[in-house]
């Protein structure tokens, strides 16, 4: 709830690009990159570690896009394949033992 109170009332929502029907992984990553989570700036002000998590995900090889989900409870990276995601999760878990990190397959994924 705090993140909603911290939302900048002057910030105007941006029109989201239409979601492509049956997107490829690459097209889905492009769509995510072109859209934004309106709550992210407020969430990052309240919990700067969100920015650390996103930057850490973006440094991983084969990370197509890294984003914050919802109001900031979860961040995720979209990877080129399952092997890359699992390798990234293992590296991040080893380097950041205080973080909860898992590789998962999205519905409709491989």
PDB file of N, CA and C in Angstrom:
ATOM      1  N   UNK A   1       0.825  -1.191   0.000  1.00  0.00           N
ATOM      2  CA  UNK A   1       0.000   0.000   0.000  1.00  0.00           C
ATOM      3  C   UNK A   1       0.869   1.254   0.000  1.00  0.00           C
ATOM      4  N   UNK A   2       2.025   1.175   0.654  1.00  0.00           N
ATOM      5  CA  UNK A   2       2.901   2.336   0.737  1.00  0.00           C
ATOM      6  C   UNK A   2       3.365   2.796  -0.643  1.00  0.00           C
ATOM      7  N   UNK A   3       3.604   1.851  -1.542  1.00  0.00           N
ATOM      8  CA  UNK A   3       4.069   2.212  -2.879  1.00  0.00           C
ATOM      9  C   UNK A   3       2.999   3.011  -3.628  1.00  0.00           C
ATOM     10  N   UNK A   4       1.727   2.726  -3.384  1.00  0.00           N
ATOM     11  CA  UNK A   4       0.662   3.475  -4.046  1.00  0.00           C
ATOM     12  C   UNK A   4       0.596   4.899  -3.501  1.00  0.00           C
ATOM     13  N   UNK A   5       0.841   5.065  -2.212  1.00  0.00           N
ATOM     14  CA  UNK A   5       0.869   6.413  -1.628  1.00  0.00           C
ATOM     15  C   UNK A   5       2.072   7.201  -2.147  1.00  0.00           C
ATOM     16  N   UNK A   6       3.159   6.510  -2.466  1.00  0.00           N
ATOM     17  CA  UNK A   6       4.377   7.176  -2.939  1.00  0.00           C
ATOM     18  C   UNK A   6       4.349   7.473  -4.437  1.00  0.00           C
ATOM     19  N   UNK A   7       3.326   7.010  -5.118  1.00  0.00           N
ATOM     20  CA  UNK A   7       3.205   7.239  -6.561  1.00  0.00           C
ATOM     21  C   UNK A   7       3.135   8.734  -6.839  1.00  0.00           C
ATOM     22  N   UNK A   8       3.898   9.202  -7.791  1.00  0.00           N
ATOM     23  CA  UNK A   8       3.939  10.617  -8.149  1.00  0.00           C
ATOM     24  C   UNK A   8       2.636  11.003  -8.840  1.00  0.00           C
ATOM     25  N   UNK A   9       1.824  11.866  -8.215  1.00  0.00           N
ATOM     26  CA  UNK A   9       0.539  12.228  -8.825  1.00  0.00           C
ATOM     27  C   UNK A   9       0.689  13.044 -10.109  1.00  0.00           C
ATOM     28  N   UNK A  10       1.846  13.656 -10.311  1.00  0.00           N
ATOM     29  CA  UNK A  10       2.084  14.456 -11.514  1.00  0.00           C
ATOM     30  C   UNK A  10       2.513  13.606 -12.709  1.00  0.00           C
ATOM     31  N   UNK A  11       2.961  12.396 -12.434  1.00  0.00           N
ATOM     32  CA  UNK A  11       3.448  11.531 -13.515  1.00  0.00           C
ATOM     33  C   UNK A  11       2.263  11.027 -14.329  1.00  0.00           C
ATOM     34  N   UNK A  12       2.315  11.279 -15.601  1.00  0.00           N
ATOM     35  CA  UNK A  12       1.231  10.875 -16.485  1.00  0.00           C
ATOM     36  C   UNK A  12       1.468   9.463 -17.001  1.00  0.00           C
ATOM     37  N   UNK A  13       0.444   8.618 -16.959  1.00  0.00           N
ATOM     38  CA  UNK A  13       0.609   7.269 -17.512  1.00  0.00           C
ATOM     39  C   UNK A  13       0.908   7.338 -19.008  1.00  0.00           C
ATOM     40  N   UNK A  14       1.699   6.418 -19.453  1.00  0.00           N
ATOM     41  CA  UNK A  14       2.068   6.349 -20.864  1.00  0.00           C
ATOM     42  C   UNK A  14       1.246   5.248 -21.513  1.00  0.00           C
ATOM     43  N   UNK A  15       0.802   5.515 -22.725  1.00  0.00           N
ATOM     44  CA  UNK A  15       0.053   4.485 -23.454  1.00  0.00           C
ATOM     45  C   UNK A  15       0.953   3.277 -23.652  1.00  0.00           C
ATOM     46  N   UNK A  16       0.452   2.137 -23.274  1.00  0.00           N
ATOM     47  CA  UNK A  16       1.207   0.892 -23.396  1.00  0.00           C
ATOM     48  C   UNK A  16       1.067   0.375 -24.822  1.00  0.00           C
ATOM     49  N   UNK A  17       2.158  -0.104 -25.419  1.00  0.00           N
ATOM     50  CA  UNK A  17       2.021  -0.688 -26.755  1.00  0.00           C
ATOM     51  C   UNK A  17       1.113  -1.911 -26.692  1.00  0.00           C
ATOM     52  N   UNK A  18       0.340  -2.162 -27.730  1.00  0.00           N
ATOM     53  CA  UNK A  18      -0.554  -3.326 -27.701  1.00  0.00           C
ATOM     54  C   UNK A  18       0.244  -4.617 -27.582  1.00  0.00           C
ATOM     55  N   UNK A  19      -0.297  -5.547 -26.806  1.00  0.00           N
ATOM     56  CA  UNK A  19       0.365  -6.835 -26.626  1.00  0.00           C
ATOM     57  C   UNK A  19       0.235  -7.623 -27.917  1.00  0.00           C
ATOM     58  N   UNK A  20       1.352  -8.113 -28.457  1.00  0.00           N
ATOM     59  CA  UNK A  20       1.290  -8.847 -29.728  1.00  0.00           C
ATOM     60  C   UNK A  20       0.640 -10.220 -29.544  1.00  0.00           C
ATOM     61  N   UNK A  21      -0.232 -10.612 -30.450  1.00  0.00           N
ATOM     62  CA  UNK A  21      -0.826 -11.946 -30.342  1.00  0.00           C
ATOM     63  C   UNK A  21       0.231 -13.012 -30.628  1.00  0.00           C
ATOM     64  N   UNK A  22       0.282 -14.033 -29.796  1.00  0.00           N
ATOM     65  CA  UNK A  22       1.216 -15.157 -29.969  1.00  0.00           C
ATOM     66  C   UNK A  22       2.643 -14.676 -30.236  1.00  0.00           C
ATOM     67  N   UNK A  23       3.201 -13.870 -29.310  1.00  0.00           N
ATOM     68  CA  UNK A  23       4.531 -13.321 -29.579  1.00  0.00           C
ATOM     69  C   UNK A  23       5.633 -14.368 -29.449  1.00  0.00           C
ATOM     70  N   UNK A  24       6.679 -14.164 -30.216  1.00  0.00           N
ATOM     71  CA  UNK A  24       7.898 -14.952 -30.026  1.00  0.00           C
ATOM     72  C   UNK A  24       8.556 -14.445 -28.744  1.00  0.00           C
ATOM     73  N   UNK A  25       9.534 -15.162 -28.260  1.00  0.00           N
ATOM     74  CA  UNK A  25      10.251 -14.735 -27.061  1.00  0.00           C
ATOM     75  C   UNK A  25      10.884 -13.366 -27.281  1.00  0.00           C
ATOM     76  N   UNK A  26      11.477 -13.170 -28.439  1.00  0.00           N
ATOM     77  CA  UNK A  26      12.118 -11.892 -28.740  1.00  0.00           C
ATOM     78  C   UNK A  26      11.098 -10.768 -28.781  1.00  0.00           C
ATOM     79  N   UNK A  27       9.965 -11.005 -29.428  1.00  0.00           N
ATOM     80  CA  UNK A  27       8.931  -9.966 -29.522  1.00  0.00           C
ATOM     81  C   UNK A  27       8.353  -9.647 -28.145  1.00  0.00           C
ATOM     82  N   UNK A  28       8.183 -10.670 -27.313  1.00  0.00           N
ATOM     83  CA  UNK A  28       7.696 -10.450 -25.957  1.00  0.00           C
ATOM     84  C   UNK A  28       8.694  -9.597 -25.170  1.00  0.00           C
ATOM     85  N   UNK A  29       9.988  -9.881 -25.322  1.00  0.00           N
ATOM     86  CA  UNK A  29      11.016  -9.095 -24.639  1.00  0.00           C
ATOM     87  C   UNK A  29      10.993  -7.644 -25.118  1.00  0.00           C
ATOM     88  N   UNK A  30      10.816  -7.439 -26.416  1.00  0.00           N
ATOM     89  CA  UNK A  30      10.733  -6.079 -26.960  1.00  0.00           C
ATOM     90  C   UNK A  30       9.516  -5.363 -26.383  1.00  0.00           C
ATOM     91  N   UNK A  31       8.382  -6.055 -26.329  1.00  0.00           N
ATOM     92  CA  UNK A  31       7.166  -5.458 -25.766  1.00  0.00           C
ATOM     93  C   UNK A  31       7.393  -5.044 -24.310  1.00  0.00           C
ATOM     94  N   UNK A  32       8.015  -5.921 -23.519  1.00  0.00           N
ATOM     95  CA  UNK A  32       8.300  -5.579 -22.123  1.00  0.00           C
ATOM     96  C   UNK A  32       9.222  -4.368 -22.043  1.00  0.00           C
ATOM     97  N   UNK A  33      10.225  -4.334 -22.903  1.00  0.00           N
ATOM     98  CA  UNK A  33      11.177  -3.224 -22.906  1.00  0.00           C
ATOM     99  C   UNK A  33      10.488  -1.905 -23.275  1.00  0.00           C
ATOM    100  N   UNK A  34       9.512  -1.963 -24.165  1.00  0.00           N
ATOM    101  CA  UNK A  34       8.823  -0.756 -24.629  1.00  0.00           C
ATOM    102  C   UNK A  34       7.734  -0.288 -23.669  1.00  0.00           C
ATOM    103  N   UNK A  35       7.320  -1.134 -22.750  1.00  0.00           N
ATOM    104  CA  UNK A  35       6.300  -0.732 -21.785  1.00  0.00           C
ATOM    105  C   UNK A  35       6.979  -0.465 -20.447  1.00  0.00           C
ATOM    106  N   UNK A  36       6.202  -0.030 -19.469  1.00  0.00           N
ATOM    107  CA  UNK A  36       6.808   0.226 -18.166  1.00  0.00           C
ATOM    108  C   UNK A  36       5.818  -0.074 -17.056  1.00  0.00           C
ATOM    109  N   UNK A  37       6.362  -0.275 -15.881  1.00  0.00           N
ATOM    110  CA  UNK A  37       5.559  -0.478 -14.685  1.00  0.00           C
ATOM    111  C   UNK A  37       5.455   0.884 -14.010  1.00  0.00           C
ATOM    112  N   UNK A  38       4.272   1.436 -13.954  1.00  0.00           N
ATOM    113  CA  UNK A  38       4.073   2.778 -13.401  1.00  0.00           C
ATOM    114  C   UNK A  38       4.496   2.878 -11.938  1.00  0.00           C
ATOM    115  N   UNK A  39       4.523   1.758 -11.233  1.00  0.00           N
ATOM    116  CA  UNK A  39       4.877   1.775  -9.815  1.00  0.00           C
ATOM    117  C   UNK A  39       6.388   1.692  -9.566  1.00  0.00           C
ATOM    118  N   UNK A  40       7.161   1.379 -10.596  1.00  0.00           N
ATOM    119  CA  UNK A  40       8.594   1.150 -10.373  1.00  0.00           C
ATOM    120  C   UNK A  40       9.328   2.344  -9.776  1.00  0.00           C
ATOM    121  N   UNK A  41       9.160   3.575 -10.269  1.00  0.00           N
ATOM    122  CA  UNK A  41       9.902   4.684  -9.653  1.00  0.00           C
ATOM    123  C   UNK A  41       9.600   4.840  -8.160  1.00  0.00           C
ATOM    124  N   UNK A  42       8.332   4.740  -7.781  1.00  0.00           N
ATOM    125  CA  UNK A  42       7.969   4.864  -6.362  1.00  0.00           C
ATOM    126  C   UNK A  42       8.535   3.701  -5.559  1.00  0.00           C
ATOM    127  N   UNK A  43       8.439   2.503  -6.092  1.00  0.00           N
ATOM    128  CA  UNK A  43       8.957   1.326  -5.386  1.00  0.00           C
ATOM    129  C   UNK A  43      10.468   1.426  -5.204  1.00  0.00           C
ATOM    130  N   UNK A  44      11.162   1.918  -6.205  1.00  0.00           N
ATOM    131  CA  UNK A  44      12.627   2.045  -6.105  1.00  0.00           C
ATOM    132  C   UNK A  44      13.021   3.108  -5.094  1.00  0.00           C
ATOM    133  N   UNK A  45      12.225   4.164  -4.970  1.00  0.00           N
ATOM    134  CA  UNK A  45      12.510   5.174  -3.939  1.00  0.00           C
ATOM    135  C   UNK A  45      12.339   4.568  -2.547  1.00  0.00           C
ATOM    136  N   UNK A  46      11.306   3.763  -2.372  1.00  0.00           N
ATOM    137  CA  UNK A  46      11.036   3.150  -1.071  1.00  0.00           C
ATOM    138  C   UNK A  46      11.988   2.002  -0.753  1.00  0.00           C
ATOM    139  N   UNK A  47      12.396   1.270  -1.762  1.00  0.00           N
ATOM    140  CA  UNK A  47      13.265   0.096  -1.577  1.00  0.00           C
ATOM    141  C   UNK A  47      14.345   0.111  -2.655  1.00  0.00           C
ATOM    142  N   UNK A  48      15.420   0.871  -2.446  1.00  0.00           N
ATOM    143  CA  UNK A  48      16.466   0.982  -3.468  1.00  0.00           C
ATOM    144  C   UNK A  48      17.066  -0.351  -3.907  1.00  0.00           C
ATOM    145  N   UNK A  49      16.937  -1.388  -3.100  1.00  0.00           N
ATOM    146  CA  UNK A  49      17.464  -2.700  -3.486  1.00  0.00           C
ATOM    147  C   UNK A  49      16.810  -3.201  -4.775  1.00  0.00           C
ATOM    148  N   UNK A  50      15.618  -2.728  -5.093  1.00  0.00           N
ATOM    149  CA  UNK A  50      14.964  -3.123  -6.346  1.00  0.00           C
ATOM    150  C   UNK A  50      15.859  -2.757  -7.529  1.00  0.00           C
ATOM    151  N   UNK A  51      16.435  -1.575  -7.504  1.00  0.00           N
ATOM    152  CA  UNK A  51      17.361  -1.177  -8.565  1.00  0.00           C
ATOM    153  C   UNK A  51      18.585  -2.072  -8.617  1.00  0.00           C
ATOM    154  N   UNK A  52      19.088  -2.471  -7.447  1.00  0.00           N
ATOM    155  CA  UNK A  52      20.236  -3.381  -7.396  1.00  0.00           C
ATOM    156  C   UNK A  52      19.897  -4.722  -8.037  1.00  0.00           C
ATOM    157  N   UNK A  53      18.713  -5.228  -7.723  1.00  0.00           N
ATOM    158  CA  UNK A  53      18.287  -6.522  -8.273  1.00  0.00           C
ATOM    159  C   UNK A  53      18.162  -6.434  -9.792  1.00  0.00           C
ATOM    160  N   UNK A  54      17.517  -5.376 -10.283  1.00  0.00           N
ATOM    161  CA  UNK A  54      17.338  -5.232 -11.730  1.00  0.00           C
ATOM    162  C   UNK A  54      18.683  -5.110 -12.445  1.00  0.00           C
ATOM    163  N   UNK A  55      19.589  -4.332 -11.883  1.00  0.00           N
ATOM    164  CA  UNK A  55      20.914  -4.195 -12.505  1.00  0.00           C
ATOM    165  C   UNK A  55      21.667  -5.521 -12.483  1.00  0.00           C
ATOM    166  N   UNK A  56      21.532  -6.265 -11.399  1.00  0.00           N
ATOM    167  CA  UNK A  56      22.211  -7.563 -11.313  1.00  0.00           C
ATOM    168  C   UNK A  56      21.675  -8.513 -12.371  1.00  0.00           C
ATOM    169  N   UNK A  57      20.360  -8.543 -12.554  1.00  0.00           N
ATOM    170  CA  UNK A  57      19.768  -9.390 -13.590  1.00  0.00           C
ATOM    171  C   UNK A  57      20.245  -8.970 -14.975  1.00  0.00           C
ATOM    172  N   UNK A  58      20.286  -7.682 -15.226  1.00  0.00           N
ATOM    173  CA  UNK A  58      20.681  -7.176 -16.555  1.00  0.00           C
ATOM    174  C   UNK A  58      22.128  -7.499 -16.900  1.00  0.00           C
ATOM    175  N   UNK A  59      22.954  -7.696 -15.907  1.00  0.00           N
ATOM    176  CA  UNK A  59      24.361  -8.040 -16.170  1.00  0.00           C
ATOM    177  C   UNK A  59      24.545  -9.492 -16.592  1.00  0.00           C
ATOM    178  N   UNK A  60      23.530 -10.295 -16.431  1.00  0.00           N
ATOM    179  CA  UNK A  60      23.641 -11.712 -16.779  1.00  0.00           C
ATOM    180  C   UNK A  60      23.642 -11.911 -18.294  1.00  0.00           C
ATOM    181  N   UNK A  61      24.520 -12.805 -18.783  1.00  0.00           N
ATOM    182  CA  UNK A  61      24.498 -13.119 -20.213  1.00  0.00           C
ATOM    183  C   UNK A  61      23.129 -13.691 -20.603  1.00  0.00           C
ATOM    184  N   UNK A  62      22.670 -13.343 -21.751  1.00  0.00           N
ATOM    185  CA  UNK A  62      21.403 -13.843 -22.308  1.00  0.00           C
ATOM    186  C   UNK A  62      20.162 -13.339 -21.587  1.00  0.00           C
ATOM    187  N   UNK A  63      20.287 -12.326 -20.719  1.00  0.00           N
ATOM    188  CA  UNK A  63      19.094 -11.719 -20.126  1.00  0.00           C
ATOM    189  C   UNK A  63      18.536 -10.747 -21.162  1.00  0.00           C
ATOM    190  N   UNK A  64      17.350 -11.046 -21.658  1.00  0.00           N
ATOM    191  CA  UNK A  64      16.744 -10.220 -22.702  1.00  0.00           C
ATOM    192  C   UNK A  64      16.137  -8.954 -22.123  1.00  0.00           C
ATOM    193  N   UNK A  65      15.576  -9.057 -20.934  1.00  0.00           N
ATOM    194  CA  UNK A  65      14.979  -7.907 -20.263  1.00  0.00           C
ATOM    195  C   UNK A  65      14.826  -8.251 -18.786  1.00  0.00           C
ATOM    196  N   UNK A  66      14.969  -7.255 -17.920  1.00  0.00           N
ATOM    197  CA  UNK A  66      14.748  -7.425 -16.480  1.00  0.00           C
ATOM    198  C   UNK A  66      13.728  -6.386 -16.049  1.00  0.00           C
ATOM    199  N   UNK A  67      12.745  -6.816 -15.276  1.00  0.00           N
ATOM    200  CA  UNK A  67      11.665  -5.916 -14.867  1.00  0.00           C
ATOM    201  C   UNK A  67      11.237  -6.193 -13.438  1.00  0.00           C
ATOM    202  N   UNK A  68      10.500  -5.250 -12.901  1.00  0.00           N
ATOM    203  CA  UNK A  68       9.870  -5.396 -11.603  1.00  0.00           C
ATOM    204  C   UNK A  68       8.431  -5.818 -11.843  1.00  0.00           C
ATOM    205  N   UNK A  69       7.956  -6.733 -11.044  1.00  0.00           N
ATOM    206  CA  UNK A  69       6.583  -7.212 -11.169  1.00  0.00           C
ATOM    207  C   UNK A  69       5.692  -6.498 -10.154  1.00  0.00           C
ATOM    208  N   UNK A  70       4.532  -6.069 -10.590  1.00  0.00           N
ATOM    209  CA  UNK A  70       3.547  -5.482  -9.675  1.00  0.00           C
ATOM    210  C   UNK A  70       4.081  -4.304  -8.899  1.00  0.00           C
ATOM    211  N   UNK A  71       3.898  -4.345  -7.570  1.00  0.00           N
ATOM    212  CA  UNK A  71       4.307  -3.224  -6.726  1.00  0.00           C
ATOM    213  C   UNK A  71       5.712  -3.382  -6.168  1.00  0.00           C
ATOM    214  N   UNK A  72       6.458  -4.374  -6.634  1.00  0.00           N
ATOM    215  CA  UNK A  72       7.861  -4.479  -6.279  1.00  0.00           C
ATOM    216  C   UNK A  72       8.258  -5.667  -5.437  1.00  0.00           C
ATOM    217  N   UNK A  73       7.336  -6.565  -5.163  1.00  0.00           N
ATOM    218  CA  UNK A  73       7.684  -7.731  -4.348  1.00  0.00           C
ATOM    219  C   UNK A  73       8.606  -8.684  -5.096  1.00  0.00           C
ATOM    220  N   UNK A  74       8.570  -8.648  -6.421  1.00  0.00           N
ATOM    221  CA  UNK A  74       9.353  -9.575  -7.231  1.00  0.00           C
ATOM    222  C   UNK A  74       9.970  -8.842  -8.415  1.00  0.00           C
ATOM    223  N   UNK A  75      11.193  -9.218  -8.745  1.00  0.00           N
ATOM    224  CA  UNK A  75      11.824  -8.788  -9.988  1.00  0.00           C
ATOM    225  C   UNK A  75      12.117 -10.048 -10.780  1.00  0.00           C
ATOM    226  N   UNK A  76      12.171  -9.919 -12.095  1.00  0.00           N
ATOM    227  CA  UNK A  76      12.415 -11.098 -12.922  1.00  0.00           C
ATOM    228  C   UNK A  76      13.256 -10.724 -14.127  1.00  0.00           C
ATOM    229  N   UNK A  77      13.937 -11.723 -14.639  1.00  0.00           N
ATOM    230  CA  UNK A  77      14.672 -11.585 -15.884  1.00  0.00           C
ATOM    231  C   UNK A  77      14.106 -12.574 -16.877  1.00  0.00           C
ATOM    232  N   UNK A  78      13.986 -12.154 -18.105  1.00  0.00           N
ATOM    233  CA  UNK A  78      13.553 -13.036 -19.188  1.00  0.00           C
ATOM    234  C   UNK A  78      14.813 -13.433 -19.951  1.00  0.00           C
ATOM    235  N   UNK A  79      15.058 -14.741 -20.022  1.00  0.00           N
ATOM    236  CA  UNK A  79      16.298 -15.239 -20.611  1.00  0.00           C
ATOM    237  C   UNK A  79      16.045 -15.946 -21.927  1.00  0.00           C
ATOM    238  N   UNK A  80      17.090 -16.028 -22.717  1.00  0.00           N
ATOM    239  CA  UNK A  80      17.003 -16.600 -24.056  1.00  0.00           C
ATOM    240  C   UNK A  80      16.578 -18.064 -24.043  1.00  0.00           C
ATOM    241  N   UNK A  81      16.966 -18.794 -22.999  1.00  0.00           N
ATOM    242  CA  UNK A  81      16.583 -20.207 -22.921  1.00  0.00           C
ATOM    243  C   UNK A  81      16.652 -20.667 -21.466  1.00  0.00           C
ATOM    244  N   UNK A  82      16.134 -21.863 -21.223  1.00  0.00           N
ATOM    245  CA  UNK A  82      16.060 -22.394 -19.865  1.00  0.00           C
ATOM    246  C   UNK A  82      17.451 -22.583 -19.250  1.00  0.00           C
ATOM    247  N   UNK A  83      18.389 -23.040 -20.046  1.00  0.00           N
ATOM    248  CA  UNK A  83      19.757 -23.251 -19.548  1.00  0.00           C
ATOM    249  C   UNK A  83      20.371 -21.935 -19.062  1.00  0.00           C
ATOM    250  N   UNK A  84      20.181 -20.870 -19.821  1.00  0.00           N
ATOM    251  CA  UNK A  84      20.713 -19.557 -19.426  1.00  0.00           C
ATOM    252  C   UNK A  84      20.059 -19.065 -18.143  1.00  0.00           C
ATOM    253  N   UNK A  85      18.751 -19.270 -18.027  1.00  0.00           N
ATOM    254  CA  UNK A  85      18.031 -18.849 -16.822  1.00  0.00           C
ATOM    255  C   UNK A  85      18.524 -19.615 -15.598  1.00  0.00           C
ATOM    256  N   UNK A  86      18.708 -20.915 -15.746  1.00  0.00           N
ATOM    257  CA  UNK A  86      19.181 -21.727 -14.621  1.00  0.00           C
ATOM    258  C   UNK A  86      20.599 -21.338 -14.212  1.00  0.00           C
ATOM    259  N   UNK A  87      21.455 -21.077 -15.186  1.00  0.00           N
ATOM    260  CA  UNK A  87      22.830 -20.666 -14.876  1.00  0.00           C
ATOM    261  C   UNK A  87      22.838 -19.315 -14.167  1.00  0.00           C
ATOM    262  N   UNK A  88      22.008 -18.385 -14.634  1.00  0.00           N
ATOM    263  CA  UNK A  88      21.927 -17.070 -14.000  1.00  0.00           C
ATOM    264  C   UNK A  88      21.411 -17.195 -12.570  1.00  0.00           C
ATOM    265  N   UNK A  89      20.374 -17.992 -12.369  1.00  0.00           N
ATOM    266  CA  UNK A  89      19.824 -18.175 -11.023  1.00  0.00           C
ATOM    267  C   UNK A  89      20.874 -18.753 -10.081  1.00  0.00           C
ATOM    268  N   UNK A  90      21.644 -19.710 -10.556  1.00  0.00           N
ATOM    269  CA  UNK A  90      22.688 -20.317  -9.719  1.00  0.00           C
ATOM    270  C   UNK A  90      23.764 -19.291  -9.360  1.00  0.00           C
ATOM    271  N   UNK A  91      24.192 -18.486 -10.342  1.00  0.00           N
ATOM    272  CA  UNK A  91      25.223 -17.468 -10.076  1.00  0.00           C
ATOM    273  C   UNK A  91      24.717 -16.424  -9.086  1.00  0.00           C
ATOM    274  N   UNK A  92      23.508 -15.932  -9.329  1.00  0.00           N
ATOM    275  CA  UNK A  92      22.968 -14.887  -8.461  1.00  0.00           C
ATOM    276  C   UNK A  92      22.757 -15.426  -7.047  1.00  0.00           C
ATOM    277  N   UNK A  93      22.227 -16.634  -6.917  1.00  0.00           N
ATOM    278  CA  UNK A  93      22.021 -17.227  -5.587  1.00  0.00           C
ATOM    279  C   UNK A  93      23.351 -17.379  -4.845  1.00  0.00           C
ATOM    280  N   UNK A  94      24.400 -17.720  -5.568  1.00  0.00           N
ATOM    281  CA  UNK A  94      25.723 -17.885  -4.956  1.00  0.00           C
ATOM    282  C   UNK A  94      26.294 -16.523  -4.540  1.00  0.00           C
ATOM    283  N   UNK A  95      26.116 -15.511  -5.389  1.00  0.00           N
ATOM    284  CA  UNK A  95      26.697 -14.194  -5.121  1.00  0.00           C
ATOM    285  C   UNK A  95      25.854 -13.342  -4.180  1.00  0.00           C
ATOM    286  N   UNK A  96      24.564 -13.623  -4.120  1.00  0.00           N
ATOM    287  CA  UNK A  96      23.637 -12.843  -3.287  1.00  0.00           C
ATOM    288  C   UNK A  96      22.849 -13.803  -2.396  1.00  0.00           C
ATOM    289  N   UNK A  97      23.483 -14.379  -1.380  1.00  0.00           N
ATOM    290  CA  UNK A  97      22.818 -15.416  -0.586  1.00  0.00           C
ATOM    291  C   UNK A  97      21.579 -14.931   0.170  1.00  0.00           C
ATOM    292  N   UNK A  98      21.423 -13.650   0.349  1.00  0.00           N
ATOM    293  CA  UNK A  98      20.243 -13.120   1.033  1.00  0.00           C
ATOM    294  C   UNK A  98      19.034 -12.940   0.123  1.00  0.00           C
ATOM    295  N   UNK A  99      19.217 -13.167  -1.170  1.00  0.00           N
ATOM    296  CA  UNK A  99      18.114 -13.006  -2.122  1.00  0.00           C
ATOM    297  C   UNK A  99      17.478 -14.354  -2.392  1.00  0.00           C
ATOM    298  N   UNK A 100      16.180 -14.352  -2.648  1.00  0.00           N
ATOM    299  CA  UNK A 100      15.476 -15.558  -3.092  1.00  0.00           C
ATOM    300  C   UNK A 100      15.531 -15.534  -4.612  1.00  0.00           C
ATOM    301  N   UNK A 101      16.079 -16.562  -5.201  1.00  0.00           N
ATOM    302  CA  UNK A 101      16.295 -16.571  -6.647  1.00  0.00           C
ATOM    303  C   UNK A 101      15.993 -17.951  -7.204  1.00  0.00           C
ATOM    304  N   UNK A 102      15.131 -18.015  -8.215  1.00  0.00           N
ATOM    305  CA  UNK A 102      14.763 -19.281  -8.842  1.00  0.00           C
ATOM    306  C   UNK A 102      14.608 -19.089 -10.346  1.00  0.00           C
ATOM    307  N   UNK A 103      14.966 -20.120 -11.085  1.00  0.00           N
ATOM    308  CA  UNK A 103      14.671 -20.154 -12.523  1.00  0.00           C
ATOM    309  C   UNK A 103      13.328 -20.844 -12.676  1.00  0.00           C
ATOM    310  N   UNK A 104      12.531 -20.356 -13.592  1.00  0.00           N
ATOM    311  CA  UNK A 104      11.216 -20.950 -13.839  1.00  0.00           C
ATOM    312  C   UNK A 104      10.905 -20.855 -15.322  1.00  0.00           C
ATOM    313  N   UNK A 105       9.999 -21.692 -15.760  1.00  0.00           N
ATOM    314  CA  UNK A 105       9.537 -21.657 -17.142  1.00  0.00           C
ATOM    315  C   UNK A 105       8.175 -20.978 -17.166  1.00  0.00           C
ATOM    316  N   UNK A 106       8.014 -20.029 -18.059  1.00  0.00           N
ATOM    317  CA  UNK A 106       6.739 -19.326 -18.182  1.00  0.00           C
ATOM    318  C   UNK A 106       5.715 -20.219 -18.866  1.00  0.00           C
ATOM    319  N   UNK A 107       4.435 -20.015 -18.565  1.00  0.00           N
ATOM    320  CA  UNK A 107       3.406 -20.784 -19.275  1.00  0.00           C
ATOM    321  C   UNK A 107       3.570 -20.612 -20.781  1.00  0.00           C
ATOM    322  N   UNK A 108       3.498 -21.692 -21.487  1.00  0.00           N
ATOM    323  CA  UNK A 108       3.672 -21.649 -22.935  1.00  0.00           C
ATOM    324  C   UNK A 108       5.126 -21.680 -23.355  1.00  0.00           C
ATOM    325  N   UNK A 109       6.032 -21.674 -22.378  1.00  0.00           N
ATOM    326  CA  UNK A 109       7.462 -21.696 -22.674  1.00  0.00           C
ATOM    327  C   UNK A 109       7.936 -23.110 -22.934  1.00  0.00           C
ATOM    328  N   UNK A 110       9.245 -23.260 -23.117  1.00  0.00           N
ATOM    329  CA  UNK A 110       9.803 -24.588 -23.415  1.00  0.00           C
ATOM    330  C   UNK A 110       9.644 -25.556 -22.259  1.00  0.00           C
TER     331      UNK A 110
END
